[in-house]
Structures are given as C-alpha cells and as structure tokens.
C-alpha cells in the first residue's frame, strides 16, 4: 500500500518534503490527512470519512475517485491493485 504516481507536482513535493509552495497553504492540514490515508489505504472506500465526500467520477470505467479538501478543491486518485496512483489536486470551478 503506497502512493505510486502523481499528476500534481506541487502535491508530490508537499508529500515528500513538506513544501507548501505548490498547494494552498490553508489546505495543508487536510491534505496531510488525505495523503496519509491514501498512503495507508488499499481501497478507495477507506477514504469514505465524514467531510471527505468520497465519490467516483464519471466515466466510471476510468475508476477515478475524488475527496473534498475545501470549497471546490479536490484530491483525485485511483487504485492500481492496492496502491494509489495518478494523485491530483485541483479546483473544480
């Protein structure tokens, strides 16, 4: 169980070094919790906690999931076997 690939370079840097340069600084605490859960999880439903609004994006064949950070900001990902991949951080306008 691990995060094996990233789409968002700033989020990857935050995870690896703690640098908040590529993220919204007010999202730091929630992003840290989300990334810790993703790193430890083996299935998407393990992130189905209150306030995270876990849901699968369409088209479902892509198997991309989303959790809420704050406002319109989301972390998206999918699982390949028991590892999170394609982890992204974006603002859905």
N, C-alpha and C. Protein backbone atom coordinates (compact mmCIF):
# COMPACT_ATOMS: atom_id res chain seq x y z
N UNK A 1 0.85 -1.18 0.00
CA UNK A 1 0.00 0.00 0.00
C UNK A 1 0.89 1.24 0.00
N UNK A 2 0.72 2.02 -1.01
CA UNK A 2 1.54 3.23 -1.14
C UNK A 2 0.96 4.11 -2.24
N UNK A 3 1.44 5.34 -2.29
CA UNK A 3 1.14 6.21 -3.43
C UNK A 3 2.26 5.97 -4.44
N UNK A 4 1.88 5.51 -5.65
CA UNK A 4 2.91 5.12 -6.61
C UNK A 4 3.08 6.09 -7.78
N UNK A 5 2.11 7.01 -7.99
CA UNK A 5 2.31 8.01 -9.04
C UNK A 5 1.47 9.26 -8.77
N UNK A 6 1.92 10.36 -9.34
CA UNK A 6 1.34 11.67 -9.10
C UNK A 6 1.03 12.37 -10.42
N UNK A 7 -0.03 13.18 -10.43
CA UNK A 7 -0.31 14.09 -11.54
C UNK A 7 0.08 15.52 -11.17
N UNK A 8 0.01 15.85 -9.88
CA UNK A 8 0.25 17.20 -9.41
C UNK A 8 1.63 17.28 -8.74
N UNK A 9 2.55 18.01 -9.37
CA UNK A 9 3.93 18.09 -8.87
C UNK A 9 4.03 18.76 -7.51
N UNK A 10 3.20 19.80 -7.30
CA UNK A 10 3.23 20.50 -6.02
C UNK A 10 2.76 19.63 -4.88
N UNK A 11 1.76 18.80 -5.14
CA UNK A 11 1.25 17.89 -4.11
C UNK A 11 2.30 16.82 -3.80
N UNK A 12 2.96 16.34 -4.82
CA UNK A 12 4.03 15.36 -4.62
C UNK A 12 5.15 15.96 -3.76
N UNK A 13 5.55 17.19 -4.06
CA UNK A 13 6.59 17.86 -3.28
C UNK A 13 6.14 18.06 -1.83
N UNK A 14 4.89 18.43 -1.63
CA UNK A 14 4.35 18.58 -0.28
C UNK A 14 4.44 17.26 0.48
N UNK A 15 4.05 16.18 -0.17
CA UNK A 15 4.08 14.85 0.45
C UNK A 15 5.52 14.44 0.79
N UNK A 16 6.44 14.67 -0.12
CA UNK A 16 7.81 14.19 0.06
C UNK A 16 8.66 15.09 0.94
N UNK A 17 8.43 16.41 0.88
CA UNK A 17 9.32 17.34 1.58
C UNK A 17 8.63 18.26 2.58
N UNK A 18 7.28 18.34 2.50
CA UNK A 18 6.56 19.26 3.37
C UNK A 18 6.44 20.66 2.79
N UNK A 19 7.00 20.90 1.60
CA UNK A 19 6.94 22.21 0.97
C UNK A 19 5.50 22.55 0.60
N UNK A 20 5.05 23.74 1.00
CA UNK A 20 3.69 24.18 0.66
C UNK A 20 3.68 25.09 -0.57
N UNK A 21 4.80 25.16 -1.27
CA UNK A 21 4.93 26.04 -2.42
C UNK A 21 3.89 25.77 -3.51
N UNK A 22 3.53 24.51 -3.75
CA UNK A 22 2.63 24.16 -4.84
C UNK A 22 1.19 23.89 -4.44
N UNK A 23 0.84 24.22 -3.18
CA UNK A 23 -0.53 23.98 -2.70
C UNK A 23 -1.07 25.23 -2.02
N UNK A 24 -2.38 25.25 -1.79
CA UNK A 24 -2.97 26.33 -0.99
C UNK A 24 -2.55 26.11 0.47
N UNK A 25 -1.91 27.09 1.08
CA UNK A 25 -1.37 26.89 2.43
C UNK A 25 -2.46 26.59 3.46
N UNK A 26 -3.68 27.09 3.24
CA UNK A 26 -4.76 26.81 4.19
C UNK A 26 -5.30 25.39 4.04
N UNK A 27 -4.83 24.66 3.02
CA UNK A 27 -5.24 23.26 2.83
C UNK A 27 -4.23 22.28 3.43
N UNK A 28 -3.16 22.78 3.97
CA UNK A 28 -2.06 21.93 4.42
C UNK A 28 -2.50 20.80 5.36
N UNK A 29 -3.23 21.12 6.40
CA UNK A 29 -3.61 20.09 7.39
C UNK A 29 -4.50 19.01 6.77
N UNK A 30 -5.50 19.43 6.00
CA UNK A 30 -6.42 18.44 5.40
C UNK A 30 -5.69 17.61 4.35
N UNK A 31 -4.84 18.24 3.56
CA UNK A 31 -4.08 17.48 2.56
C UNK A 31 -3.16 16.46 3.23
N UNK A 32 -2.57 16.83 4.33
CA UNK A 32 -1.70 15.89 5.05
C UNK A 32 -2.51 14.67 5.51
N UNK A 33 -3.74 14.89 6.01
CA UNK A 33 -4.59 13.77 6.44
C UNK A 33 -4.99 12.90 5.24
N UNK A 34 -5.38 13.54 4.14
CA UNK A 34 -5.79 12.80 2.94
C UNK A 34 -4.64 11.96 2.41
N UNK A 35 -3.46 12.55 2.31
CA UNK A 35 -2.32 11.82 1.77
C UNK A 35 -1.88 10.68 2.69
N UNK A 36 -1.99 10.88 3.98
CA UNK A 36 -1.67 9.80 4.91
C UNK A 36 -2.65 8.64 4.73
N UNK A 37 -3.94 8.97 4.60
CA UNK A 37 -4.95 7.93 4.37
C UNK A 37 -4.70 7.21 3.05
N UNK A 38 -4.42 7.97 1.99
CA UNK A 38 -4.15 7.35 0.69
C UNK A 38 -2.94 6.43 0.75
N UNK A 39 -1.91 6.85 1.45
CA UNK A 39 -0.69 6.06 1.54
C UNK A 39 -0.92 4.75 2.29
N UNK A 40 -1.84 4.76 3.24
CA UNK A 40 -2.10 3.58 4.06
C UNK A 40 -3.25 2.72 3.54
N UNK A 41 -4.10 3.27 2.67
CA UNK A 41 -5.29 2.56 2.19
C UNK A 41 -4.94 1.54 1.11
N UNK A 42 -5.81 0.55 0.99
CA UNK A 42 -5.66 -0.42 -0.09
C UNK A 42 -6.89 -0.40 -1.01
N UNK A 43 -7.90 0.42 -0.63
CA UNK A 43 -9.13 0.56 -1.43
C UNK A 43 -9.65 1.98 -1.26
N UNK A 44 -10.34 2.48 -2.28
CA UNK A 44 -10.87 3.85 -2.24
C UNK A 44 -11.86 4.04 -1.09
N UNK A 45 -12.68 3.04 -0.79
CA UNK A 45 -13.72 3.23 0.22
C UNK A 45 -13.15 3.48 1.62
N UNK A 46 -11.86 3.27 1.81
CA UNK A 46 -11.24 3.56 3.10
C UNK A 46 -11.14 5.07 3.34
N UNK A 47 -11.39 5.88 2.32
CA UNK A 47 -11.39 7.33 2.47
C UNK A 47 -12.80 7.89 2.61
N UNK A 48 -13.77 7.03 2.81
CA UNK A 48 -15.16 7.45 2.94
C UNK A 48 -15.50 7.95 4.33
N UNK A 49 -14.78 8.95 4.79
CA UNK A 49 -14.97 9.51 6.12
C UNK A 49 -15.85 10.76 6.06
N UNK A 50 -16.51 11.12 7.16
CA UNK A 50 -17.31 12.34 7.18
C UNK A 50 -16.47 13.56 6.80
N UNK A 51 -17.02 14.39 5.91
CA UNK A 51 -16.33 15.60 5.47
C UNK A 51 -15.43 15.41 4.27
N UNK A 52 -15.27 14.18 3.82
CA UNK A 52 -14.39 13.92 2.68
C UNK A 52 -15.18 13.79 1.38
N UNK A 53 -16.46 13.56 1.44
CA UNK A 53 -17.34 13.47 0.27
C UNK A 53 -16.76 12.57 -0.82
N UNK A 54 -16.34 11.38 -0.43
CA UNK A 54 -15.78 10.42 -1.37
C UNK A 54 -16.81 10.03 -2.42
N UNK A 55 -16.44 10.13 -3.69
CA UNK A 55 -17.31 9.66 -4.76
C UNK A 55 -16.48 9.34 -6.00
N UNK A 56 -17.02 8.45 -6.81
CA UNK A 56 -16.36 8.06 -8.05
C UNK A 56 -16.77 9.01 -9.16
N UNK A 57 -15.80 9.43 -9.95
CA UNK A 57 -16.06 10.35 -11.06
C UNK A 57 -16.51 9.57 -12.29
N UNK A 58 -17.21 10.27 -13.17
CA UNK A 58 -17.64 9.67 -14.43
C UNK A 58 -16.62 9.98 -15.51
N UNK A 59 -16.38 9.12 -16.46
CA UNK A 59 -16.99 7.81 -16.60
C UNK A 59 -16.37 6.82 -15.62
N UNK A 60 -17.20 5.97 -15.07
CA UNK A 60 -16.75 5.04 -14.04
C UNK A 60 -15.69 4.06 -14.53
N UNK A 61 -15.63 3.86 -15.83
CA UNK A 61 -14.63 2.93 -16.37
C UNK A 61 -13.21 3.40 -16.07
N UNK A 62 -13.02 4.71 -15.84
CA UNK A 62 -11.70 5.24 -15.52
C UNK A 62 -11.30 4.98 -14.06
N UNK A 63 -12.30 4.65 -13.24
CA UNK A 63 -12.07 4.30 -11.83
C UNK A 63 -11.36 5.40 -11.03
N UNK A 64 -11.65 6.66 -11.38
CA UNK A 64 -11.09 7.80 -10.66
C UNK A 64 -12.04 8.20 -9.54
N UNK A 65 -11.48 8.42 -8.36
CA UNK A 65 -12.23 8.81 -7.17
C UNK A 65 -11.84 10.22 -6.76
N UNK A 66 -12.70 10.86 -6.00
CA UNK A 66 -12.46 12.22 -5.55
C UNK A 66 -12.81 12.36 -4.07
N UNK A 67 -12.00 13.14 -3.35
CA UNK A 67 -12.32 13.53 -1.98
C UNK A 67 -12.19 15.04 -1.88
N UNK A 68 -13.01 15.61 -1.03
CA UNK A 68 -13.06 17.07 -0.85
C UNK A 68 -11.95 17.53 0.09
N UNK A 69 -11.28 18.59 -0.34
CA UNK A 69 -10.30 19.25 0.52
C UNK A 69 -11.00 20.41 1.22
N UNK A 70 -11.50 21.37 0.40
CA UNK A 70 -12.17 22.55 0.93
C UNK A 70 -12.80 23.29 -0.24
N UNK A 71 -14.01 23.79 -0.07
CA UNK A 71 -14.66 24.53 -1.15
C UNK A 71 -14.73 23.68 -2.41
N UNK A 72 -14.18 24.19 -3.51
CA UNK A 72 -14.16 23.46 -4.77
C UNK A 72 -12.92 22.59 -4.94
N UNK A 73 -12.00 22.61 -4.02
CA UNK A 73 -10.75 21.88 -4.15
C UNK A 73 -10.93 20.40 -3.83
N UNK A 74 -10.33 19.55 -4.69
CA UNK A 74 -10.44 18.10 -4.56
C UNK A 74 -9.09 17.44 -4.76
N UNK A 75 -8.94 16.27 -4.16
CA UNK A 75 -7.85 15.36 -4.48
C UNK A 75 -8.49 14.20 -5.21
N UNK A 76 -7.95 13.88 -6.39
CA UNK A 76 -8.47 12.75 -7.17
C UNK A 76 -7.38 11.69 -7.26
N UNK A 77 -7.82 10.44 -7.46
CA UNK A 77 -6.89 9.32 -7.48
C UNK A 77 -7.62 8.08 -7.98
N UNK A 78 -6.85 7.06 -8.24
CA UNK A 78 -7.44 5.74 -8.47
C UNK A 78 -6.50 4.72 -7.85
N UNK A 79 -7.01 3.50 -7.68
CA UNK A 79 -6.20 2.44 -7.11
C UNK A 79 -5.80 1.45 -8.18
N UNK A 80 -4.53 1.11 -8.21
CA UNK A 80 -3.99 0.06 -9.05
C UNK A 80 -3.55 -1.03 -8.08
N UNK A 81 -4.30 -2.12 -8.10
CA UNK A 81 -4.15 -3.16 -7.09
C UNK A 81 -4.39 -2.50 -5.73
N UNK A 82 -3.42 -2.46 -4.85
CA UNK A 82 -3.63 -1.87 -3.53
C UNK A 82 -2.87 -0.56 -3.36
N UNK A 83 -2.50 0.07 -4.47
CA UNK A 83 -1.72 1.31 -4.41
C UNK A 83 -2.46 2.46 -5.08
N UNK A 84 -2.37 3.64 -4.47
CA UNK A 84 -2.97 4.84 -5.06
C UNK A 84 -2.06 5.36 -6.17
N UNK A 85 -2.69 5.80 -7.27
CA UNK A 85 -1.92 6.34 -8.38
C UNK A 85 -2.64 7.53 -8.99
N UNK A 86 -1.93 8.25 -9.84
CA UNK A 86 -2.47 9.42 -10.54
C UNK A 86 -3.09 10.41 -9.55
N UNK A 87 -2.43 10.62 -8.43
CA UNK A 87 -2.95 11.51 -7.39
C UNK A 87 -2.84 12.96 -7.87
N UNK A 88 -3.98 13.66 -7.86
CA UNK A 88 -4.04 15.01 -8.38
C UNK A 88 -4.73 15.91 -7.36
N UNK A 89 -4.51 17.22 -7.49
CA UNK A 89 -5.06 18.25 -6.60
C UNK A 89 -5.55 19.36 -7.51
N UNK A 90 -6.87 19.61 -7.50
CA UNK A 90 -7.41 20.59 -8.44
C UNK A 90 -8.62 21.31 -7.89
N UNK A 91 -8.89 22.43 -8.52
CA UNK A 91 -10.03 23.29 -8.17
C UNK A 91 -11.12 23.08 -9.21
N UNK A 92 -12.21 22.45 -8.81
CA UNK A 92 -13.36 22.29 -9.71
C UNK A 92 -14.17 23.57 -9.66
N UNK A 93 -14.11 24.37 -10.71
CA UNK A 93 -14.87 25.65 -10.73
C UNK A 93 -16.33 25.38 -10.95
